[in-house]
Protein backbone atom coordinates (compact mmCIF):
# COMPACT_ATOMS: atom_id res chain seq x y z
CA UNK A 1 23.27 82.84 213.82
CA UNK A 2 25.64 80.66 211.52
CA UNK A 3 28.41 81.98 209.39
CA UNK A 4 27.92 80.34 206.62
CA UNK A 5 24.70 81.81 205.41
CA UNK A 6 23.00 84.16 204.60
CA UNK A 7 20.61 86.76 206.18
CA UNK A 8 17.99 85.97 203.71
CA UNK A 9 18.38 82.38 204.35
CA UNK A 10 18.27 82.10 207.76
CA UNK A 11 15.28 84.51 207.63
CA UNK A 12 13.89 81.75 205.33
CA UNK A 13 15.06 79.30 207.40
CA UNK A 14 13.05 80.63 210.47
CA UNK A 15 10.13 81.01 208.30
CA UNK A 16 10.13 77.27 207.34
CA UNK A 17 10.24 75.80 211.21
CA UNK A 18 7.20 78.94 212.12
CA UNK A 19 5.12 76.94 210.24
CA UNK A 20 6.66 73.74 210.38
CA UNK A 21 5.28 74.08 214.14
CA UNK A 22 2.35 75.86 213.57
CA UNK A 23 1.68 72.72 211.33
CA UNK A 24 2.57 70.19 214.19
CA UNK A 25 0.40 72.01 216.44
CA UNK A 26 -2.41 72.63 214.85
CA UNK A 27 -1.91 68.32 213.59
CA UNK A 28 -1.46 67.36 217.33
CA UNK A 29 -4.66 69.36 218.20
CA UNK A 30 -6.82 67.81 215.63
CA UNK A 31 -5.93 64.33 217.07
CA UNK A 32 -6.77 65.68 220.68
CA UNK A 33 -10.03 67.00 219.66
CA UNK A 34 -10.80 64.04 217.84
CA UNK A 35 -9.94 61.51 221.17
CA UNK A 36 -11.70 64.18 223.38
CA UNK A 37 -14.75 64.11 221.24
CA UNK A 38 -15.02 60.33 220.60
CA UNK A 39 -14.88 60.06 224.54
CA UNK A 40 -18.46 61.78 224.47
CA UNK A 41 -20.85 59.32 222.70
CA UNK A 42 -23.76 61.17 220.74
CA UNK A 43 -26.71 59.68 220.76
CA UNK A 44 -26.83 57.73 216.59
CA UNK A 45 -29.95 58.61 214.90
CA UNK A 46 -33.27 56.22 215.67
CA UNK A 47 -33.45 54.45 211.99
CA UNK A 48 -36.91 54.74 211.94
CA UNK A 49 -37.20 58.30 212.51
CA UNK A 50 -37.48 60.25 208.82
CA UNK A 51 -34.53 63.45 208.83
CA UNK A 52 -36.39 66.65 208.82
CA UNK A 53 -34.29 68.30 206.17
CA UNK A 54 -35.15 65.90 203.77
CA UNK A 55 -38.69 66.45 202.36
CA UNK A 56 -40.92 62.87 202.17
CA UNK A 57 -40.89 60.91 199.15
CA UNK A 58 -44.14 61.21 196.78
CA UNK A 59 -46.71 58.09 196.31
CA UNK A 60 -46.98 56.66 193.16
CA UNK A 61 -49.65 60.20 192.21
CA UNK A 62 -46.94 62.46 192.34
CA UNK A 63 -46.16 65.66 189.84
CA UNK A 64 -46.93 64.40 185.92
CA UNK A 65 -43.16 65.58 185.05
CA UNK A 66 -41.73 63.12 187.65
CA UNK A 67 -42.73 59.68 185.53
CA UNK A 68 -41.77 59.04 181.67
CA UNK A 69 -43.71 56.49 179.63
CA UNK A 70 -41.38 53.72 178.26
CA UNK A 71 -41.43 51.67 174.99
CA UNK A 72 -42.35 48.01 175.41
CA UNK A 73 -38.41 47.64 174.21
CA UNK A 74 -37.50 50.41 176.62
CA UNK A 75 -39.52 48.38 179.43
CA UNK A 76 -37.30 44.93 178.71
CA UNK A 77 -34.38 46.49 178.66
CA UNK A 78 -34.27 48.01 181.26
CA UNK A 79 -35.35 45.01 182.71
CA UNK A 80 -32.76 43.31 181.70
CA UNK A 81 -30.54 46.01 182.62
CA UNK A 82 -31.78 45.75 186.65
CA UNK A 83 -31.21 42.05 186.35
CA UNK A 84 -27.27 42.52 185.41
CA UNK A 85 -26.82 44.54 188.85
CA UNK A 86 -25.87 42.04 191.78
CA UNK A 87 -27.66 42.70 194.80
CA UNK A 88 -25.73 41.65 197.40
């Protein structure tokens, strides 16, 4: 096609052009799908309803391996650490 470039360069250029066209088509299809999906609102989950895949949290009487006895110094250090966390 082009007299100034070799057949290998023409083939590489054609492959690159096809790859760019496939990439652009994928991006446009993704954008179209995003816009199409935004037209149909999905129901928001109810804030108070628990999710079925998350197990309910145990109360204070959980498994013995889930609790750690802290010394007085550790409790004070933890309380100081908690006071440094900003609550917004």
